[in-house]
mmCIF file of all heavy atoms, coordinates in Angstrom:
data_MODEL
# 
_entry.id   MODEL 
# 
loop_
_atom_site.group_PDB 
_atom_site.id 
_atom_site.type_symbol 
_atom_site.label_atom_id 
_atom_site.label_alt_id 
_atom_site.label_comp_id 
_atom_site.label_asym_id 
_atom_site.label_entity_id 
_atom_site.label_seq_id 
_atom_site.pdbx_PDB_ins_code 
_atom_site.Cartn_x 
_atom_site.Cartn_y 
_atom_site.Cartn_z 
_atom_site.occupancy 
_atom_site.B_iso_or_equiv 
_atom_site.pdbx_formal_charge 
_atom_site.auth_seq_id 
_atom_site.auth_comp_id 
_atom_site.auth_asym_id 
_atom_site.auth_atom_id 
_atom_site.pdbx_PDB_model_num 
ATOM 1   N N   . VAL A 1 1  ? 112.477 76.020 99.710  1.00 0.00 ? 1  VAL A N   1 
ATOM 2   C CA  . VAL A 1 1  ? 113.050 77.337 99.991  1.00 0.00 ? 1  VAL A CA  1 
ATOM 3   C C   . VAL A 1 1  ? 113.578 77.359 101.417 1.00 0.00 ? 1  VAL A C   1 
ATOM 4   O O   . VAL A 1 1  ? 112.841 77.112 102.373 1.00 0.00 ? 1  VAL A O   1 
ATOM 5   C CB  . VAL A 1 1  ? 112.016 78.459 99.798  1.00 0.00 ? 1  VAL A CB  1 
ATOM 6   C CG1 . VAL A 1 1  ? 112.638 79.814 100.127 1.00 0.00 ? 1  VAL A CG1 1 
ATOM 7   C CG2 . VAL A 1 1  ? 111.474 78.450 98.378  1.00 0.00 ? 1  VAL A CG2 1 
ATOM 8   N N   . VAL A 1 2  ? 114.865 77.653 101.544 1.00 0.00 ? 2  VAL A N   1 
ATOM 9   C CA  . VAL A 1 2  ? 115.497 77.852 102.846 1.00 0.00 ? 2  VAL A CA  1 
ATOM 10  C C   . VAL A 1 2  ? 115.711 79.354 103.005 1.00 0.00 ? 2  VAL A C   1 
ATOM 11  O O   . VAL A 1 2  ? 116.139 80.022 102.048 1.00 0.00 ? 2  VAL A O   1 
ATOM 12  C CB  . VAL A 1 2  ? 116.844 77.104 102.930 1.00 0.00 ? 2  VAL A CB  1 
ATOM 13  C CG1 . VAL A 1 2  ? 117.414 77.191 104.345 1.00 0.00 ? 2  VAL A CG1 1 
ATOM 14  C CG2 . VAL A 1 2  ? 116.687 75.661 102.488 1.00 0.00 ? 2  VAL A CG2 1 
ATOM 15  N N   . THR A 1 3  ? 115.424 79.890 104.171 1.00 0.00 ? 3  THR A N   1 
ATOM 16  C CA  . THR A 1 3  ? 115.554 81.338 104.326 1.00 0.00 ? 3  THR A CA  1 
ATOM 17  C C   . THR A 1 3  ? 115.896 81.717 105.757 1.00 0.00 ? 3  THR A C   1 
ATOM 18  O O   . THR A 1 3  ? 115.540 81.015 106.708 1.00 0.00 ? 3  THR A O   1 
ATOM 19  C CB  . THR A 1 3  ? 114.260 82.059 103.890 1.00 0.00 ? 3  THR A CB  1 
ATOM 20  O OG1 . THR A 1 3  ? 114.461 83.474 103.923 1.00 0.00 ? 3  THR A OG1 1 
ATOM 21  C CG2 . THR A 1 3  ? 113.084 81.691 104.783 1.00 0.00 ? 3  THR A CG2 1 
ATOM 22  N N   . ASN A 1 4  ? 116.605 82.823 105.892 1.00 0.00 ? 4  ASN A N   1 
ATOM 23  C CA  . ASN A 1 4  ? 116.818 83.449 107.194 1.00 0.00 ? 4  ASN A CA  1 
ATOM 24  C C   . ASN A 1 4  ? 116.030 84.749 107.287 1.00 0.00 ? 4  ASN A C   1 
ATOM 25  O O   . ASN A 1 4  ? 116.382 85.658 108.025 1.00 0.00 ? 4  ASN A O   1 
ATOM 26  C CB  . ASN A 1 4  ? 118.308 83.711 107.448 1.00 0.00 ? 4  ASN A CB  1 
ATOM 27  C CG  . ASN A 1 4  ? 118.915 84.693 106.459 1.00 0.00 ? 4  ASN A CG  1 
ATOM 28  O OD1 . ASN A 1 4  ? 118.569 84.700 105.285 1.00 0.00 ? 4  ASN A OD1 1 
ATOM 29  N ND2 . ASN A 1 4  ? 119.844 85.515 106.925 1.00 0.00 ? 4  ASN A ND2 1 
ATOM 30  N N   . ASN A 1 5  ? 114.926 84.809 106.535 1.00 0.00 ? 5  ASN A N   1 
ATOM 31  C CA  . ASN A 1 5  ? 114.075 85.993 106.461 1.00 0.00 ? 5  ASN A CA  1 
ATOM 32  C C   . ASN A 1 5  ? 112.648 85.581 106.812 1.00 0.00 ? 5  ASN A C   1 
ATOM 33  O O   . ASN A 1 5  ? 111.986 84.899 106.031 1.00 0.00 ? 5  ASN A O   1 
ATOM 34  C CB  . ASN A 1 5  ? 114.148 86.579 105.039 1.00 0.00 ? 5  ASN A CB  1 
ATOM 35  C CG  . ASN A 1 5  ? 113.384 87.883 104.894 1.00 0.00 ? 5  ASN A CG  1 
ATOM 36  O OD1 . ASN A 1 5  ? 112.443 88.152 105.630 1.00 0.00 ? 5  ASN A OD1 1 
ATOM 37  N ND2 . ASN A 1 5  ? 113.783 88.687 103.929 1.00 0.00 ? 5  ASN A ND2 1 
ATOM 38  N N   . MET A 1 6  ? 112.166 85.974 107.990 1.00 0.00 ? 6  MET A N   1 
ATOM 39  C CA  . MET A 1 6  ? 110.835 85.581 108.414 1.00 0.00 ? 6  MET A CA  1 
ATOM 40  C C   . MET A 1 6  ? 109.749 86.106 107.484 1.00 0.00 ? 6  MET A C   1 
ATOM 41  O O   . MET A 1 6  ? 108.705 85.473 107.314 1.00 0.00 ? 6  MET A O   1 
ATOM 42  C CB  . MET A 1 6  ? 110.577 86.087 109.843 1.00 0.00 ? 6  MET A CB  1 
ATOM 43  C CG  . MET A 1 6  ? 111.497 85.502 110.891 1.00 0.00 ? 6  MET A CG  1 
ATOM 44  S SD  . MET A 1 6  ? 111.256 83.726 111.121 1.00 0.00 ? 6  MET A SD  1 
ATOM 45  C CE  . MET A 1 6  ? 109.636 83.722 111.883 1.00 0.00 ? 6  MET A CE  1 
ATOM 46  N N   . ASN A 1 7  ? 109.971 87.260 106.872 1.00 0.00 ? 7  ASN A N   1 
ATOM 47  C CA  . ASN A 1 7  ? 108.986 87.816 105.945 1.00 0.00 ? 7  ASN A CA  1 
ATOM 48  C C   . ASN A 1 7  ? 108.868 86.955 104.693 1.00 0.00 ? 7  ASN A C   1 
ATOM 49  O O   . ASN A 1 7  ? 107.773 86.775 104.155 1.00 0.00 ? 7  ASN A O   1 
ATOM 50  C CB  . ASN A 1 7  ? 109.359 89.250 105.583 1.00 0.00 ? 7  ASN A CB  1 
ATOM 51  C CG  . ASN A 1 7  ? 109.419 90.154 106.792 1.00 0.00 ? 7  ASN A CG  1 
ATOM 52  O OD1 . ASN A 1 7  ? 108.505 90.176 107.601 1.00 0.00 ? 7  ASN A OD1 1 
ATOM 53  N ND2 . ASN A 1 7  ? 110.521 90.880 106.938 1.00 0.00 ? 7  ASN A ND2 1 
ATOM 54  N N   . VAL A 1 8  ? 109.993 86.424 104.205 1.00 0.00 ? 8  VAL A N   1 
ATOM 55  C CA  . VAL A 1 8  ? 109.964 85.495 103.076 1.00 0.00 ? 8  VAL A CA  1 
ATOM 56  C C   . VAL A 1 8  ? 109.183 84.238 103.452 1.00 0.00 ? 8  VAL A C   1 
ATOM 57  O O   . VAL A 1 8  ? 108.337 83.751 102.684 1.00 0.00 ? 8  VAL A O   1 
ATOM 58  C CB  . VAL A 1 8  ? 111.396 85.138 102.636 1.00 0.00 ? 8  VAL A CB  1 
ATOM 59  C CG1 . VAL A 1 8  ? 111.405 83.892 101.744 1.00 0.00 ? 8  VAL A CG1 1 
ATOM 60  C CG2 . VAL A 1 8  ? 112.030 86.302 101.898 1.00 0.00 ? 8  VAL A CG2 1 
ATOM 61  N N   . ALA A 1 9  ? 109.467 83.695 104.631 1.00 0.00 ? 9  ALA A N   1 
ATOM 62  C CA  . ALA A 1 9  ? 108.771 82.487 105.072 1.00 0.00 ? 9  ALA A CA  1 
ATOM 63  C C   . ALA A 1 9  ? 107.266 82.727 105.173 1.00 0.00 ? 9  ALA A C   1 
ATOM 64  O O   . ALA A 1 9  ? 106.460 81.892 104.727 1.00 0.00 ? 9  ALA A O   1 
ATOM 65  C CB  . ALA A 1 9  ? 109.326 82.038 106.420 1.00 0.00 ? 9  ALA A CB  1 
ATOM 66  N N   . ASN A 1 10 ? 106.869 83.863 105.741 1.00 0.00 ? 10 ASN A N   1 
ATOM 67  C CA  . ASN A 1 10 ? 105.444 84.164 105.888 1.00 0.00 ? 10 ASN A CA  1 
ATOM 68  C C   . ASN A 1 10 ? 104.762 84.359 104.547 1.00 0.00 ? 10 ASN A C   1 
ATOM 69  O O   . ASN A 1 10 ? 103.568 84.071 104.401 1.00 0.00 ? 10 ASN A O   1 
ATOM 70  C CB  . ASN A 1 10 ? 105.266 85.416 106.748 1.00 0.00 ? 10 ASN A CB  1 
ATOM 71  C CG  . ASN A 1 10 ? 105.567 85.160 108.211 1.00 0.00 ? 10 ASN A CG  1 
ATOM 72  O OD1 . ASN A 1 10 ? 105.408 84.045 108.695 1.00 0.00 ? 10 ASN A OD1 1 
ATOM 73  N ND2 . ASN A 1 10 ? 106.011 86.190 108.914 1.00 0.00 ? 10 ASN A ND2 1 
ATOM 74  N N   . THR A 1 11 ? 105.500 84.842 103.548 1.00 0.00 ? 11 THR A N   1 
ATOM 75  C CA  . THR A 1 11 ? 104.940 84.995 102.202 1.00 0.00 ? 11 THR A CA  1 
ATOM 76  C C   . THR A 1 11 ? 104.748 83.642 101.539 1.00 0.00 ? 11 THR A C   1 
ATOM 77  O O   . THR A 1 11 ? 103.671 83.320 101.016 1.00 0.00 ? 11 THR A O   1 
ATOM 78  C CB  . THR A 1 11 ? 105.859 85.882 101.333 1.00 0.00 ? 11 THR A CB  1 
ATOM 79  O OG1 . THR A 1 11 ? 105.895 87.192 101.876 1.00 0.00 ? 11 THR A OG1 1 
ATOM 80  C CG2 . THR A 1 11 ? 105.372 85.937 99.895  1.00 0.00 ? 11 THR A CG2 1 
ATOM 81  N N   . LEU A 1 12 ? 105.787 82.821 101.551 1.00 0.00 ? 12 LEU A N   1 
ATOM 82  C CA  . LEU A 1 12 ? 105.759 81.568 100.793 1.00 0.00 ? 12 LEU A CA  1 
ATOM 83  C C   . LEU A 1 12 ? 104.945 80.481 101.474 1.00 0.00 ? 12 LEU A C   1 
ATOM 84  O O   . LEU A 1 12 ? 104.652 79.451 100.842 1.00 0.00 ? 12 LEU A O   1 
ATOM 85  C CB  . LEU A 1 12 ? 107.185 81.087 100.543 1.00 0.00 ? 12 LEU A CB  1 
ATOM 86  C CG  . LEU A 1 12 ? 107.938 81.909 99.496  1.00 0.00 ? 12 LEU A CG  1 
ATOM 87  C CD1 . LEU A 1 12 ? 109.402 81.492 99.434  1.00 0.00 ? 12 LEU A CD1 1 
ATOM 88  C CD2 . LEU A 1 12 ? 107.295 81.758 98.126  1.00 0.00 ? 12 LEU A CD2 1 
ATOM 89  N N   . ILE A 1 13 ? 104.561 80.681 102.721 1.00 0.00 ? 13 ILE A N   1 
ATOM 90  C CA  . ILE A 1 13 ? 103.720 79.691 103.389 1.00 0.00 ? 13 ILE A CA  1 
ATOM 91  C C   . ILE A 1 13 ? 102.377 79.568 102.680 1.00 0.00 ? 13 ILE A C   1 
ATOM 92  O O   . ILE A 1 13 ? 101.666 78.552 102.799 1.00 0.00 ? 13 ILE A O   1 
ATOM 93  C CB  . ILE A 1 13 ? 103.533 80.056 104.886 1.00 0.00 ? 13 ILE A CB  1 
ATOM 94  C CG1 . ILE A 1 13 ? 103.165 78.805 105.696 1.00 0.00 ? 13 ILE A CG1 1 
ATOM 95  C CG2 . ILE A 1 13 ? 102.507 81.146 105.060 1.00 0.00 ? 13 ILE A CG2 1 
ATOM 96  C CD1 . ILE A 1 13 ? 104.312 77.845 105.840 1.00 0.00 ? 13 ILE A CD1 1 
ATOM 97  N N   . ASP A 1 14 ? 101.998 80.597 101.912 1.00 0.00 ? 14 ASP A N   1 
ATOM 98  C CA  . ASP A 1 14 ? 100.738 80.562 101.157 1.00 0.00 ? 14 ASP A CA  1 
ATOM 99  C C   . ASP A 1 14 ? 100.836 79.698 99.911  1.00 0.00 ? 14 ASP A C   1 
ATOM 100 O O   . ASP A 1 14 ? 99.814  79.415 99.277  1.00 0.00 ? 14 ASP A O   1 
ATOM 101 C CB  . ASP A 1 14 ? 100.321 81.981 100.764 1.00 0.00 ? 14 ASP A CB  1 
ATOM 102 C CG  . ASP A 1 14 ? 99.901  82.819 101.962 1.00 0.00 ? 14 ASP A CG  1 
ATOM 103 O OD1 . ASP A 1 14 ? 99.429  82.229 102.953 1.00 0.00 ? 14 ASP A OD1 1 
ATOM 104 O OD2 . ASP A 1 14 ? 100.060 84.046 101.909 1.00 0.00 ? 14 ASP A OD2 1 
ATOM 105 N N   . ASN A 1 15 ? 102.034 79.289 99.516  1.00 0.00 ? 15 ASN A N   1 
ATOM 106 C CA  . ASN A 1 15 ? 102.224 78.394 98.375  1.00 0.00 ? 15 ASN A CA  1 
ATOM 107 C C   . ASN A 1 15 ? 102.270 76.964 98.923  1.00 0.00 ? 15 ASN A C   1 
ATOM 108 O O   . ASN A 1 15 ? 103.277 76.517 99.464  1.00 0.00 ? 15 ASN A O   1 
ATOM 109 C CB  . ASN A 1 15 ? 103.517 78.735 97.641  1.00 0.00 ? 15 ASN A CB  1 
ATOM 110 C CG  . ASN A 1 15 ? 103.729 77.884 96.388  1.00 0.00 ? 15 ASN A CG  1 
ATOM 111 O OD1 . ASN A 1 15 ? 103.158 76.808 96.247  1.00 0.00 ? 15 ASN A OD1 1 
ATOM 112 N ND2 . ASN A 1 15 ? 104.578 78.376 95.499  1.00 0.00 ? 15 ASN A ND2 1 
ATOM 113 N N   . GLU A 1 16 ? 101.164 76.233 98.778  1.00 0.00 ? 16 GLU A N   1 
ATOM 114 C CA  . GLU A 1 16 ? 101.051 74.930 99.418  1.00 0.00 ? 16 GLU A CA  1 
ATOM 115 C C   . GLU A 1 16 ? 102.000 73.892 98.836  1.00 0.00 ? 16 GLU A C   1 
ATOM 116 O O   . GLU A 1 16 ? 102.273 72.868 99.483  1.00 0.00 ? 16 GLU A O   1 
ATOM 117 C CB  . GLU A 1 16 ? 99.600  74.435 99.323  1.00 0.00 ? 16 GLU A CB  1 
ATOM 118 C CG  . GLU A 1 16 ? 98.622  75.293 100.119 1.00 0.00 ? 16 GLU A CG  1 
ATOM 119 C CD  . GLU A 1 16 ? 97.206  74.764 100.079 1.00 0.00 ? 16 GLU A CD  1 
ATOM 120 O OE1 . GLU A 1 16 ? 96.989  73.720 99.410  1.00 0.00 ? 16 GLU A OE1 1 
ATOM 121 O OE2 . GLU A 1 16 ? 96.330  75.373 100.710 1.00 0.00 ? 16 GLU A OE2 1 
ATOM 122 N N   . SER A 1 17 ? 102.516 74.124 97.639  1.00 0.00 ? 17 SER A N   1 
ATOM 123 C CA  . SER A 1 17 ? 103.453 73.163 97.051  1.00 0.00 ? 17 SER A CA  1 
ATOM 124 C C   . SER A 1 17 ? 104.898 73.517 97.358  1.00 0.00 ? 17 SER A C   1 
ATOM 125 O O   . SER A 1 17 ? 105.813 72.849 96.875  1.00 0.00 ? 17 SER A O   1 
ATOM 126 C CB  . SER A 1 17 ? 103.254 73.094 95.530  1.00 0.00 ? 17 SER A CB  1 
ATOM 127 O OG  . SER A 1 17 ? 103.816 74.228 94.895  1.00 0.00 ? 17 SER A OG  1 
ATOM 128 N N   . CYS A 1 18 ? 105.098 74.535 98.162  1.00 0.00 ? 18 CYS A N   1 
ATOM 129 C CA  . CYS A 1 18 ? 106.450 75.000 98.492  1.00 0.00 ? 18 CYS A CA  1 
ATOM 130 C C   . CYS A 1 18 ? 106.813 74.558 99.908  1.00 0.00 ? 18 CYS A C   1 
ATOM 131 O O   . CYS A 1 18 ? 106.069 74.829 100.855 1.00 0.00 ? 18 CYS A O   1 
ATOM 132 C CB  . CYS A 1 18 ? 106.507 76.527 98.379  1.00 0.00 ? 18 CYS A CB  1 
ATOM 133 S SG  . CYS A 1 18 ? 108.095 77.243 98.824  1.00 0.00 ? 18 CYS A SG  1 
ATOM 134 N N   . GLU A 1 19 ? 107.942 73.863 100.034 1.00 0.00 ? 19 GLU A N   1 
ATOM 135 C CA  . GLU A 1 19 ? 108.450 73.510 101.352 1.00 0.00 ? 19 GLU A CA  1 
ATOM 136 C C   . GLU A 1 19 ? 109.320 74.656 101.853 1.00 0.00 ? 19 GLU A C   1 
ATOM 137 O O   . GLU A 1 19 ? 110.285 75.050 101.189 1.00 0.00 ? 19 GLU A O   1 
ATOM 138 C CB  . GLU A 1 19 ? 109.264 72.220 101.303 1.00 0.00 ? 19 GLU A CB  1 
ATOM 139 C CG  . GLU A 1 19 ? 109.792 71.800 102.666 1.00 0.00 ? 19 GLU A CG  1 
ATOM 140 C CD  . GLU A 1 19 ? 110.587 70.514 102.620 1.00 0.00 ? 19 GLU A CD  1 
ATOM 141 O OE1 . GLU A 1 19 ? 111.159 70.209 101.551 1.00 0.00 ? 19 GLU A OE1 1 
ATOM 142 O OE2 . GLU A 1 19 ? 110.653 69.822 103.646 1.00 0.00 ? 19 GLU A OE2 1 
ATOM 143 N N   . VAL A 1 20 ? 108.996 75.221 102.998 1.00 0.00 ? 20 VAL A N   1 
ATOM 144 C CA  . VAL A 1 20 ? 109.715 76.367 103.552 1.00 0.00 ? 20 VAL A CA  1 
ATOM 145 C C   . VAL A 1 20 ? 110.490 75.917 104.784 1.00 0.00 ? 20 VAL A C   1 
ATOM 146 O O   . VAL A 1 20 ? 109.915 75.362 105.721 1.00 0.00 ? 20 VAL A O   1 
ATOM 147 C CB  . VAL A 1 20 ? 108.748 77.509 103.924 1.00 0.00 ? 20 VAL A CB  1 
ATOM 148 C CG1 . VAL A 1 20 ? 109.515 78.703 104.474 1.00 0.00 ? 20 VAL A CG1 1 
ATOM 149 C CG2 . VAL A 1 20 ? 107.916 77.931 102.712 1.00 0.00 ? 20 VAL A CG2 1 
ATOM 150 N N   . ILE A 1 21 ? 111.788 76.166 104.783 1.00 0.00 ? 21 ILE A N   1 
ATOM 151 C CA  . ILE A 1 21 ? 112.665 75.807 105.892 1.00 0.00 ? 21 ILE A CA  1 
ATOM 152 C C   . ILE A 1 21 ? 113.274 77.091 106.421 1.00 0.00 ? 21 ILE A C   1 
ATOM 153 O O   . ILE A 1 21 ? 113.922 77.835 105.682 1.00 0.00 ? 21 ILE A O   1 
ATOM 154 C CB  . ILE A 1 21 ? 113.771 74.839 105.431 1.00 0.00 ? 21 ILE A CB  1 
ATOM 155 C CG1 . ILE A 1 21 ? 113.150 73.571 104.818 1.00 0.00 ? 21 ILE A CG1 1 
ATOM 156 C CG2 . ILE A 1 21 ? 114.689 74.487 106.597 1.00 0.00 ? 21 ILE A CG2 1 
ATOM 157 C CD1 . ILE A 1 21 ? 114.160 72.678 104.130 1.00 0.00 ? 21 ILE A CD1 1 
ATOM 158 N N   . VAL A 1 22 ? 113.068 77.366 107.705 1.00 0.00 ? 22 VAL A N   1 
ATOM 159 C CA  . VAL A 1 22 ? 113.537 78.613 108.312 1.00 0.00 ? 22 VAL A CA  1 
ATOM 160 C C   . VAL A 1 22 ? 114.777 78.327 109.155 1.00 0.00 ? 22 VAL A C   1 
ATOM 161 O O   . VAL A 1 22 ? 114.784 77.414 109.987 1.00 0.00 ? 22 VAL A O   1 
ATOM 162 C CB  . VAL A 1 22 ? 112.443 79.258 109.183 1.00 0.00 ? 22 VAL A CB  1 
ATOM 163 C CG1 . VAL A 1 22 ? 112.947 80.560 109.800 1.00 0.00 ? 22 VAL A CG1 1 
ATOM 164 C CG2 . VAL A 1 22 ? 111.196 79.522 108.352 1.00 0.00 ? 22 VAL A CG2 1 
ATOM 165 N N   . ALA A 1 23 ? 115.826 79.124 108.940 1.00 0.00 ? 23 ALA A N   1 
ATOM 166 C CA  . ALA A 1 23 ? 117.068 78.970 109.689 1.00 0.00 ? 23 ALA A CA  1 
ATOM 167 C C   . ALA A 1 23 ? 116.867 79.346 111.146 1.00 0.00 ? 23 ALA A C   1 
ATOM 168 O O   . ALA A 1 23 ? 115.994 80.143 111.494 1.00 0.00 ? 23 ALA A O   1 
ATOM 169 C CB  . ALA A 1 23 ? 118.161 79.840 109.072 1.00 0.00 ? 23 ALA A CB  1 
ATOM 170 N N   . GLY A 1 24 ? 117.705 78.773 112.001 1.00 0.00 ? 24 GLY A N   1 
ATOM 171 C CA  . GLY A 1 24 ? 117.744 79.208 113.381 1.00 0.00 ? 24 GLY A CA  1 
ATOM 172 C C   . GLY A 1 24 ? 118.612 80.443 113.516 1.00 0.00 ? 24 GLY A C   1 
ATOM 173 O O   . GLY A 1 24 ? 119.226 80.902 112.555 1.00 0.00 ? 24 GLY A O   1 
ATOM 174 N N   . GLY A 1 25 ? 118.681 80.991 114.717 1.00 0.00 ? 25 GLY A N   1 
ATOM 175 C CA  . GLY A 1 25 ? 119.527 82.155 114.939 1.00 0.00 ? 25 GLY A CA  1 
ATOM 176 C C   . GLY A 1 25 ? 118.821 83.226 115.735 1.00 0.00 ? 25 GLY A C   1 
ATOM 177 O O   . GLY A 1 25 ? 117.716 83.035 116.232 1.00 0.00 ? 25 GLY A O   1 
ATOM 178 N N   . ILE A 1 26 ? 119.460 84.364 115.825 1.00 0.00 ? 26 ILE A N   1 
ATOM 179 C CA  . ILE A 1 26 ? 118.929 85.508 116.549 1.00 0.00 ? 26 ILE A CA  1 
ATOM 180 C C   . ILE A 1 26 ? 118.004 86.294 115.634 1.00 0.00 ? 26 ILE A C   1 
ATOM 181 O O   . ILE A 1 26 ? 118.398 86.702 114.536 1.00 0.00 ? 26 ILE A O   1 
ATOM 182 C CB  . ILE A 1 26 ? 120.072 86.410 117.038 1.00 0.00 ? 26 ILE A CB  1 
ATOM 183 C CG1 . ILE A 1 26 ? 120.999 85.624 117.974 1.00 0.00 ? 26 ILE A CG1 1 
ATOM 184 C CG2 . ILE A 1 26 ? 119.531 87.657 117.731 1.00 0.00 ? 26 ILE A CG2 1 
ATOM 185 C CD1 . ILE A 1 26 ? 122.283 86.339 118.294 1.00 0.00 ? 26 ILE A CD1 1 
ATOM 186 N N   . VAL A 1 27 ? 116.772 86.517 116.057 1.00 0.00 ? 27 VAL A N   1 
ATOM 187 C CA  . VAL A 1 27 ? 115.804 87.256 115.245 1.00 0.00 ? 27 VAL A CA  1 
ATOM 188 C C   . VAL A 1 27 ? 115.984 88.752 115.471 1.00 0.00 ? 27 VAL A C   1 
ATOM 189 O O   . VAL A 1 27 ? 115.952 89.226 116.610 1.00 0.00 ? 27 VAL A O   1 
ATOM 190 C CB  . VAL A 1 27 ? 114.363 86.850 115.593 1.00 0.00 ? 27 VAL A CB  1 
ATOM 191 C CG1 . VAL A 1 27 ? 113.369 87.640 114.732 1.00 0.00 ? 27 VAL A CG1 1 
ATOM 192 C CG2 . VAL A 1 27 ? 114.158 85.369 115.393 1.00 0.00 ? 27 VAL A CG2 1 
# 
């Protein structure tokens, strides 16, 4: 999962089989 949404990343971090990639940019 690639996302520019920190809330999505914080949710999916609990799925240990899911690789989470967070975009760079202005928060």
